[in-house]
Protein backbone atom coordinates (compact mmCIF):
# COMPACT_ATOMS: atom_id res chain seq x y z
CA UNK A 1 -7.48 -7.12 1.37
CA UNK A 2 -6.40 -10.70 1.83
CA UNK A 3 -4.21 -13.05 4.51
CA UNK A 4 -0.52 -14.16 3.53
CA UNK A 5 2.15 -14.91 6.09
CA UNK A 6 5.57 -13.17 5.02
CA UNK A 7 3.73 -10.88 2.18
CA UNK A 8 4.84 -7.30 2.94
CA UNK A 9 5.13 -5.93 -0.36
CA UNK A 10 3.98 -2.82 -0.62
CA UNK A 11 4.13 0.77 -2.66
CA UNK A 12 2.37 3.82 -1.92
CA UNK A 13 0.68 5.24 -4.39
CA UNK A 14 0.43 9.66 -3.74
CA UNK A 15 -2.56 11.43 -5.02
CA UNK A 16 -3.13 13.00 -7.23
CA UNK A 17 -1.82 10.35 -9.40
CA UNK A 18 -4.35 7.74 -10.11
CA UNK A 19 -4.61 4.27 -8.41
CA UNK A 20 -4.53 1.13 -10.33
CA UNK A 21 -3.53 -1.66 -7.68
CA UNK A 22 -5.99 -4.22 -7.47
CA UNK A 23 -4.59 -6.17 -4.01
CA UNK A 24 -2.68 -6.13 -0.96
CA UNK A 25 -2.27 -8.18 1.94
CA UNK A 26 -3.07 -6.73 5.64
CA UNK A 27 0.45 -7.61 6.32
CA UNK A 28 1.63 -5.46 3.75
CA UNK A 29 -0.28 -2.55 5.38
CA UNK A 30 0.72 -2.94 8.43
CA UNK A 31 3.74 -2.71 7.26
CA UNK A 32 3.56 0.26 4.96
CA UNK A 33 1.76 1.89 8.49
CA UNK A 34 5.03 1.04 10.64
CA UNK A 35 7.06 2.38 8.05
CA UNK A 36 5.44 5.41 8.05
CA UNK A 37 5.20 6.39 11.54
CA UNK A 38 8.71 5.10 12.54
CA UNK A 39 9.92 7.65 9.55
CA UNK A 40 12.65 10.31 10.61
CA UNK A 41 10.73 12.14 7.67
CA UNK A 42 7.83 12.56 8.52
CA UNK A 43 7.24 15.65 6.26
CA UNK A 44 6.50 14.07 2.77
CA UNK A 45 3.55 12.20 4.52
CA UNK A 46 1.80 15.43 6.48
CA UNK A 47 -1.44 16.07 5.18
CA UNK A 48 -0.75 13.84 2.63
CA UNK A 49 -3.52 11.50 0.78
CA UNK A 50 -1.98 8.08 -0.11
CA UNK A 51 -3.55 4.43 -1.49
CA UNK A 52 -1.66 1.36 -0.81
CA UNK A 53 -1.08 -1.58 -2.86
CA UNK A 54 0.79 -4.38 -4.31
CA UNK A 55 2.98 -3.52 -6.96
CA UNK A 56 2.38 -5.09 -10.27
CA UNK A 57 -1.54 -5.75 -9.69
CA UNK A 58 -3.48 -4.06 -12.16
CA UNK A 59 -5.79 -5.73 -12.36
CA UNK A 60 -9.63 -5.37 -12.99
CA UNK A 61 -10.57 -7.79 -9.97
CA UNK A 62 -8.22 -8.55 -7.62
CA UNK A 63 -6.98 -12.25 -7.90
CA UNK A 64 -8.32 -14.02 -5.46
CA UNK A 65 -12.18 -12.68 -6.15
């Protein structure tokens, strides 16, 4: 996780799908949480597990490592 203002890009990866994203900004995690709690269709999140990652970051380690 890293800080980068104005980087709200994220994807939700539902289990049991393999989570491969190597990084995500703190701002994107906050945006994901906000989007989940304000979504009118809460059923799709109920009793589900998922990861939050930045799309197209399927690296062995984060770029800032």
